[in-house]
Amino acid sequence: MKLCSARKLEWFGGYNIIMDGKKRLNITQGLKVKIVLKQDQKSGKLTEGVVKDILTNSPSHPHGIKVRLDSGDVGRVKEICR
């Protein structure tokens, strides 16, 4: 079973940490994520892929961190897959 969640609890050093796609520190190159493309914002359709580049410079964004996937697709992170 594959877990994919925008707000997933992770066990780290005795603390539960929420993995949030709205915070840049949770996103790294090579991470598997689901993003919403600009043209899919109304439908909410998600595209899964691996982060190639992080495009948002600020530490957080209310709609999700903008990334470019290995496929070249650009969108905002809605779910982080583990």
N, C-alpha and C. Protein backbone atom coordinates (compact mmCIF):
# COMPACT_ATOMS: atom_id res chain seq x y z
N MET A 1 0.84 -1.18 0.00
CA MET A 1 0.00 0.00 0.00
C MET A 1 0.89 1.24 0.00
N LYS A 2 0.64 2.15 -0.93
CA LYS A 2 1.42 3.38 -1.03
C LYS A 2 0.72 4.48 -0.24
N LEU A 3 1.46 5.13 0.64
CA LEU A 3 0.91 6.24 1.40
C LEU A 3 1.26 7.53 0.70
N CYS A 4 0.27 8.38 0.55
CA CYS A 4 0.48 9.68 -0.07
C CYS A 4 -0.44 10.65 0.64
N SER A 5 0.13 11.64 1.30
CA SER A 5 -0.71 12.54 2.08
C SER A 5 -0.08 13.92 2.17
N ALA A 6 -0.93 14.94 2.12
CA ALA A 6 -0.45 16.31 2.26
C ALA A 6 -0.11 16.60 3.72
N ARG A 7 -0.70 15.86 4.64
CA ARG A 7 -0.44 16.08 6.06
C ARG A 7 -0.24 14.72 6.71
N LYS A 8 0.95 14.19 6.56
CA LYS A 8 1.28 12.86 7.07
C LYS A 8 2.15 12.99 8.30
N LEU A 9 1.84 12.21 9.32
CA LEU A 9 2.67 12.21 10.52
C LEU A 9 3.86 11.30 10.31
N GLU A 10 5.04 11.79 10.59
CA GLU A 10 6.28 11.01 10.49
C GLU A 10 6.88 10.91 11.88
N TRP A 11 7.46 9.78 12.20
CA TRP A 11 8.13 9.59 13.48
C TRP A 11 9.59 9.99 13.30
N PHE A 12 10.04 10.98 14.05
CA PHE A 12 11.40 11.48 13.90
C PHE A 12 11.94 11.85 15.27
N GLY A 13 12.89 11.09 15.74
CA GLY A 13 13.55 11.40 17.01
C GLY A 13 12.59 11.56 18.18
N GLY A 14 11.53 10.76 18.20
CA GLY A 14 10.58 10.84 19.30
C GLY A 14 9.50 11.89 19.11
N TYR A 15 9.50 12.56 17.97
CA TYR A 15 8.49 13.58 17.71
C TYR A 15 7.70 13.22 16.46
N ASN A 16 6.42 13.53 16.47
CA ASN A 16 5.61 13.39 15.26
C ASN A 16 5.71 14.69 14.48
N ILE A 17 6.10 14.60 13.22
CA ILE A 17 6.27 15.77 12.37
C ILE A 17 5.27 15.68 11.23
N ILE A 18 4.55 16.76 10.97
CA ILE A 18 3.59 16.79 9.88
C ILE A 18 4.31 17.16 8.60
N MET A 19 4.22 16.27 7.60
CA MET A 19 4.81 16.55 6.29
C MET A 19 3.80 17.36 5.49
N ASP A 20 4.10 18.61 5.28
CA ASP A 20 3.17 19.55 4.68
C ASP A 20 3.73 20.08 3.37
N GLY A 21 2.98 19.94 2.28
CA GLY A 21 3.39 20.42 0.97
C GLY A 21 3.39 21.93 0.84
N LYS A 22 2.97 22.62 1.90
CA LYS A 22 2.96 24.08 1.88
C LYS A 22 4.25 24.67 2.45
N LYS A 23 5.12 23.81 2.97
CA LYS A 23 6.37 24.28 3.57
C LYS A 23 7.56 23.80 2.75
N ARG A 24 8.40 24.74 2.35
CA ARG A 24 9.54 24.44 1.48
C ARG A 24 10.51 23.44 2.10
N LEU A 25 10.68 23.49 3.42
CA LEU A 25 11.65 22.61 4.07
C LEU A 25 11.26 21.13 3.95
N ASN A 26 10.00 20.84 3.66
CA ASN A 26 9.55 19.45 3.49
C ASN A 26 9.77 18.92 2.08
N ILE A 27 10.13 19.79 1.14
CA ILE A 27 10.27 19.41 -0.26
C ILE A 27 11.75 19.35 -0.62
N THR A 28 12.17 18.25 -1.22
CA THR A 28 13.56 18.10 -1.66
C THR A 28 13.58 17.50 -3.06
N GLN A 29 14.68 17.73 -3.77
CA GLN A 29 14.85 17.10 -5.07
C GLN A 29 14.84 15.59 -4.90
N GLY A 30 14.17 14.91 -5.82
CA GLY A 30 14.09 13.45 -5.77
C GLY A 30 12.90 12.93 -4.99
N LEU A 31 12.16 13.82 -4.33
CA LEU A 31 11.00 13.42 -3.54
C LEU A 31 9.82 13.13 -4.47
N LYS A 32 9.08 12.06 -4.19
CA LYS A 32 7.88 11.73 -4.97
C LYS A 32 6.71 12.52 -4.40
N VAL A 33 6.02 13.27 -5.27
CA VAL A 33 4.91 14.13 -4.84
C VAL A 33 3.76 14.05 -5.83
N LYS A 34 2.63 14.60 -5.42
CA LYS A 34 1.51 14.82 -6.33
C LYS A 34 1.28 16.32 -6.37
N ILE A 35 1.18 16.87 -7.59
CA ILE A 35 0.99 18.30 -7.78
C ILE A 35 -0.30 18.56 -8.54
N VAL A 36 -0.79 19.78 -8.43
CA VAL A 36 -1.90 20.21 -9.27
C VAL A 36 -1.32 21.19 -10.29
N LEU A 37 -1.54 20.89 -11.57
CA LEU A 37 -1.10 21.75 -12.65
C LEU A 37 -2.03 22.95 -12.75
N LYS A 38 -1.56 24.06 -13.31
CA LYS A 38 -2.36 25.28 -13.45
C LYS A 38 -3.68 24.98 -14.14
N GLN A 39 -3.61 24.22 -15.24
CA GLN A 39 -4.83 23.94 -16.01
C GLN A 39 -5.77 22.97 -15.30
N ASP A 40 -5.30 22.32 -14.24
CA ASP A 40 -6.12 21.36 -13.50
C ASP A 40 -6.61 21.90 -12.16
N GLN A 41 -6.39 23.19 -11.90
CA GLN A 41 -6.76 23.75 -10.60
C GLN A 41 -8.26 23.64 -10.33
N LYS A 42 -9.09 23.86 -11.35
CA LYS A 42 -10.54 23.80 -11.15
C LYS A 42 -11.00 22.38 -10.87
N SER A 43 -10.46 21.41 -11.59
CA SER A 43 -10.88 20.01 -11.42
C SER A 43 -10.21 19.36 -10.21
N GLY A 44 -9.02 19.86 -9.83
CA GLY A 44 -8.29 19.28 -8.72
C GLY A 44 -7.53 18.02 -9.09
N LYS A 45 -7.43 17.72 -10.39
CA LYS A 45 -6.71 16.53 -10.85
C LYS A 45 -5.24 16.64 -10.43
N LEU A 46 -4.70 15.54 -9.88
CA LEU A 46 -3.32 15.53 -9.41
C LEU A 46 -2.43 14.77 -10.38
N THR A 47 -1.20 15.24 -10.51
CA THR A 47 -0.18 14.62 -11.34
C THR A 47 0.95 14.16 -10.43
N GLU A 48 1.31 12.89 -10.53
CA GLU A 48 2.36 12.34 -9.67
C GLU A 48 3.70 12.37 -10.39
N GLY A 49 4.75 12.65 -9.65
CA GLY A 49 6.08 12.66 -10.23
C GLY A 49 7.15 12.90 -9.19
N VAL A 50 8.37 13.04 -9.68
CA VAL A 50 9.54 13.24 -8.82
C VAL A 50 10.04 14.67 -9.00
N VAL A 51 10.30 15.35 -7.87
CA VAL A 51 10.74 16.74 -7.89
C VAL A 51 12.12 16.86 -8.52
N LYS A 52 12.20 17.71 -9.55
CA LYS A 52 13.48 18.03 -10.19
C LYS A 52 14.01 19.36 -9.65
N ASP A 53 13.12 20.38 -9.62
CA ASP A 53 13.50 21.72 -9.16
C ASP A 53 12.42 22.27 -8.23
N ILE A 54 12.84 23.02 -7.22
CA ILE A 54 11.91 23.74 -6.34
C ILE A 54 11.88 25.18 -6.84
N LEU A 55 10.71 25.65 -7.23
CA LEU A 55 10.60 26.97 -7.86
C LEU A 55 10.18 28.07 -6.88
N THR A 56 9.50 27.72 -5.81
CA THR A 56 9.12 28.71 -4.80
C THR A 56 10.33 29.04 -3.94
N ASN A 57 10.63 30.33 -3.80
CA ASN A 57 11.78 30.76 -3.00
C ASN A 57 11.42 31.01 -1.54
N SER A 58 10.17 31.37 -1.28
CA SER A 58 9.76 31.67 0.10
C SER A 58 9.65 30.38 0.92
N PRO A 59 9.73 30.48 2.25
CA PRO A 59 9.70 29.28 3.09
C PRO A 59 8.36 28.54 3.08
N SER A 60 7.28 29.22 2.70
CA SER A 60 5.98 28.56 2.62
C SER A 60 5.10 29.27 1.61
N HIS A 61 4.02 28.59 1.21
CA HIS A 61 3.04 29.17 0.30
C HIS A 61 1.69 28.56 0.64
N PRO A 62 0.63 29.38 0.75
CA PRO A 62 -0.67 28.85 1.17
C PRO A 62 -1.30 27.83 0.22
N HIS A 63 -0.90 27.84 -1.04
CA HIS A 63 -1.47 26.90 -2.02
C HIS A 63 -0.53 25.75 -2.34
N GLY A 64 0.62 25.70 -1.69
CA GLY A 64 1.59 24.64 -1.93
C GLY A 64 2.84 25.18 -2.62
N ILE A 65 3.96 24.53 -2.37
CA ILE A 65 5.24 24.92 -2.96
C ILE A 65 5.24 24.56 -4.44
N LYS A 66 5.67 25.50 -5.27
CA LYS A 66 5.71 25.26 -6.72
C LYS A 66 6.99 24.52 -7.07
N VAL A 67 6.83 23.42 -7.84
CA VAL A 67 7.96 22.59 -8.23
C VAL A 67 7.88 22.23 -9.71
N ARG A 68 9.03 21.82 -10.25
CA ARG A 68 9.09 21.23 -11.59
C ARG A 68 9.42 19.76 -11.40
N LEU A 69 8.66 18.90 -12.04
CA LEU A 69 8.89 17.46 -11.96
C LEU A 69 9.89 17.02 -13.01
N ASP A 70 10.42 15.80 -12.87
CA ASP A 70 11.32 15.23 -13.88
C ASP A 70 10.70 15.23 -15.26
N SER A 71 9.37 15.13 -15.31
CA SER A 71 8.65 15.11 -16.59
C SER A 71 8.57 16.49 -17.24
N GLY A 72 8.93 17.54 -16.47
CA GLY A 72 8.85 18.91 -16.97
C GLY A 72 7.58 19.63 -16.53
N ASP A 73 6.62 18.89 -15.97
CA ASP A 73 5.38 19.50 -15.48
C ASP A 73 5.69 20.42 -14.30
N VAL A 74 4.96 21.56 -14.24
CA VAL A 74 5.13 22.52 -13.15
C VAL A 74 3.80 22.68 -12.44
N GLY A 75 3.83 22.63 -11.12
CA GLY A 75 2.61 22.82 -10.35
C GLY A 75 2.92 22.93 -8.87
N ARG A 76 1.87 23.03 -8.07
CA ARG A 76 2.01 23.19 -6.62
C ARG A 76 1.79 21.85 -5.91
N VAL A 77 2.65 21.57 -4.94
CA VAL A 77 2.59 20.30 -4.21
C VAL A 77 1.32 20.24 -3.36
N LYS A 78 0.56 19.18 -3.58
CA LYS A 78 -0.65 18.93 -2.79
C LYS A 78 -0.47 17.73 -1.88
N GLU A 79 0.35 16.78 -2.28
CA GLU A 79 0.59 15.59 -1.47
C GLU A 79 2.05 15.18 -1.56
N ILE A 80 2.58 14.70 -0.46
CA ILE A 80 3.93 14.14 -0.42
C ILE A 80 3.79 12.64 -0.28
N CYS A 81 4.39 11.89 -1.19
CA CYS A 81 4.28 10.42 -1.19
C CYS A 81 5.46 9.81 -0.46
N ARG A 82 5.20 8.78 0.32
CA ARG A 82 6.25 8.05 1.03
C ARG A 82 6.10 6.58 0.73
